[in-house]
Amino acid sequence: MNKELSLLSEKAAQGQLDGYNNRDIEEFLKWYSDDVKIYDLDTGELRYDSKEAMRPRYAKLFENEYLDCTLVNRMVMNRTVIDQESVQVDGTEKRSEVIAIYDVGENGLIEAVRFTRGKA
């Protein structure tokens, strides 16, 4: 395992998580490459094919005062970060559990993300 790559990758994953929780669209997006690919592993769908395609959806999401993502578990190996996350999107106690797999480039920017809610 390359410790420097692992630290760089973890920094990107944490940076975007901090931007998400602070509802700061610029801080959130700065950790993604311009041509990032975002996939839904449960449907196989490519959800976004660029940072700018993400912007409107996340800008709208960040208007939500209840938005919160809690990191439950993180594994890092070289340029791959796997986060288990618990996400709050409304004023109830209900949270969504998500796994996010981040592929980070050698430049420290996230190049791809694959999300799953876990197939039952």
Protein backbone atom coordinates (compact mmCIF):
# COMPACT_ATOMS: atom_id res chain seq x y z
CA MET A 1 0.00 0.00 0.00
CA ASN A 2 1.25 3.48 -0.91
CA LYS A 3 0.80 5.60 2.22
CA GLU A 4 1.15 8.94 0.36
CA LEU A 5 -1.56 8.00 -2.15
CA SER A 6 -3.78 6.75 0.66
CA LEU A 7 -3.41 10.02 2.59
CA LEU A 8 -4.11 12.06 -0.56
CA SER A 9 -7.21 9.98 -1.29
CA GLU A 10 -8.51 10.23 2.25
CA LYS A 11 -8.00 14.01 2.17
CA ALA A 12 -10.22 14.27 -0.94
CA ALA A 13 -12.95 12.06 0.52
CA GLN A 14 -12.94 14.00 3.79
CA GLY A 15 -12.78 17.36 2.03
CA GLN A 16 -15.88 16.69 -0.03
CA LEU A 17 -17.67 15.30 3.05
CA ASP A 18 -16.85 18.46 4.99
CA GLY A 19 -18.10 20.61 2.10
CA TYR A 20 -21.29 18.52 1.98
CA ASN A 21 -21.97 18.89 5.70
CA ASN A 22 -21.19 22.63 5.59
CA ARG A 23 -23.55 22.93 2.60
CA ASP A 24 -20.78 24.76 0.74
CA ILE A 25 -21.10 23.95 -2.96
CA GLU A 26 -17.70 25.37 -3.91
CA GLU A 27 -15.87 23.55 -1.11
CA PHE A 28 -17.74 20.34 -1.96
CA LEU A 29 -17.07 20.47 -5.72
CA LYS A 30 -13.41 21.50 -5.50
CA TRP A 31 -12.52 17.91 -4.59
CA TYR A 32 -13.92 16.50 -7.86
CA SER A 33 -12.25 16.38 -11.26
CA ASP A 34 -14.03 18.32 -14.02
CA ASP A 35 -15.04 15.09 -15.77
CA VAL A 36 -15.94 13.05 -12.67
CA LYS A 37 -18.29 10.12 -13.22
CA ILE A 38 -20.95 9.34 -10.60
CA TYR A 39 -22.59 5.91 -10.78
CA ASP A 40 -25.52 4.28 -9.01
CA LEU A 41 -24.36 0.69 -8.48
CA ASP A 42 -27.90 -0.48 -7.65
CA THR A 43 -29.29 0.54 -11.05
CA GLY A 44 -26.10 0.65 -13.10
CA GLU A 45 -26.98 4.22 -14.09
CA LEU A 46 -24.40 6.92 -14.77
CA ARG A 47 -25.95 9.74 -12.73
CA TYR A 48 -23.48 12.54 -13.57
CA ASP A 49 -20.66 12.81 -16.08
CA SER A 50 -19.05 16.05 -14.92
CA LYS A 51 -18.63 18.31 -11.93
CA GLU A 52 -20.85 20.93 -13.55
CA ALA A 53 -23.63 18.36 -14.04
CA MET A 54 -23.53 17.77 -10.26
CA ARG A 55 -23.74 21.46 -9.37
CA PRO A 56 -27.51 22.14 -9.78
CA ARG A 57 -28.59 19.02 -7.88
CA TYR A 58 -26.22 19.55 -4.96
CA ALA A 59 -26.82 23.31 -4.81
CA LYS A 60 -30.53 22.53 -4.37
CA LEU A 61 -29.78 19.78 -1.83
CA PHE A 62 -27.60 22.16 0.20
CA GLU A 63 -30.62 24.41 0.77
CA ASN A 64 -31.93 21.68 3.10
CA GLU A 65 -31.33 22.66 6.74
CA TYR A 66 -31.58 19.01 7.89
CA LEU A 67 -28.92 17.70 5.54
CA ASP A 68 -26.22 15.74 7.34
CA CYS A 69 -23.88 12.92 6.39
CA THR A 70 -22.24 10.98 9.20
CA LEU A 71 -19.24 8.82 8.41
CA VAL A 72 -19.84 5.37 9.92
CA ASN A 73 -16.78 3.58 8.59
CA ARG A 74 -13.93 4.33 6.17
CA MET A 75 -11.42 2.10 4.42
CA VAL A 76 -8.58 3.56 2.37
CA MET A 77 -6.19 1.76 0.06
CA ASN A 78 -4.05 3.78 -2.33
CA ARG A 79 -6.44 5.72 -4.58
CA THR A 80 -9.63 4.03 -3.36
CA VAL A 81 -11.72 5.19 -0.41
CA ILE A 82 -14.78 3.25 0.71
CA ASP A 83 -17.10 5.13 3.04
CA GLN A 84 -20.13 3.78 4.85
CA GLU A 85 -22.34 6.80 5.43
CA SER A 86 -25.54 7.58 7.30
CA VAL A 87 -27.44 10.43 5.62
CA GLN A 88 -30.16 12.64 7.08
CA VAL A 89 -32.34 14.53 4.61
CA ASP A 90 -35.39 15.57 6.61
CA GLY A 91 -36.47 16.50 10.13
CA THR A 92 -37.33 12.93 11.12
CA GLU A 93 -35.05 10.42 12.78
CA LYS A 94 -35.00 8.33 9.59
CA ARG A 95 -31.55 8.08 7.99
CA SER A 96 -30.41 6.44 4.77
CA GLU A 97 -27.44 4.12 4.79
CA VAL A 98 -25.12 4.44 1.80
CA ILE A 99 -21.78 3.05 0.68
CA ALA A 100 -19.67 5.38 -1.46
CA ILE A 101 -16.59 4.18 -3.31
CA TYR A 102 -14.32 7.05 -4.34
CA ASP A 103 -11.61 6.68 -6.99
CA VAL A 104 -9.09 9.47 -6.50
CA GLY A 105 -6.58 10.56 -9.14
CA GLU A 106 -2.92 11.13 -8.44
CA ASN A 107 -3.74 14.85 -8.50
CA GLY A 108 -5.88 14.41 -5.37
CA LEU A 109 -9.23 14.93 -7.11
CA ILE A 110 -12.08 12.43 -7.13
CA GLU A 111 -12.41 10.93 -10.62
CA ALA A 112 -15.31 8.54 -10.01
CA VAL A 113 -17.82 7.67 -7.32
CA ARG A 114 -19.99 4.57 -7.10
CA PHE A 115 -22.91 4.64 -4.65
CA THR A 116 -24.96 1.74 -3.35
CA ARG A 117 -27.62 1.33 -0.71
CA GLY A 118 -26.79 -2.37 -0.61
CA LYS A 119 -28.72 -4.88 -2.60
CA ALA A 120 -31.16 -6.86 -0.50
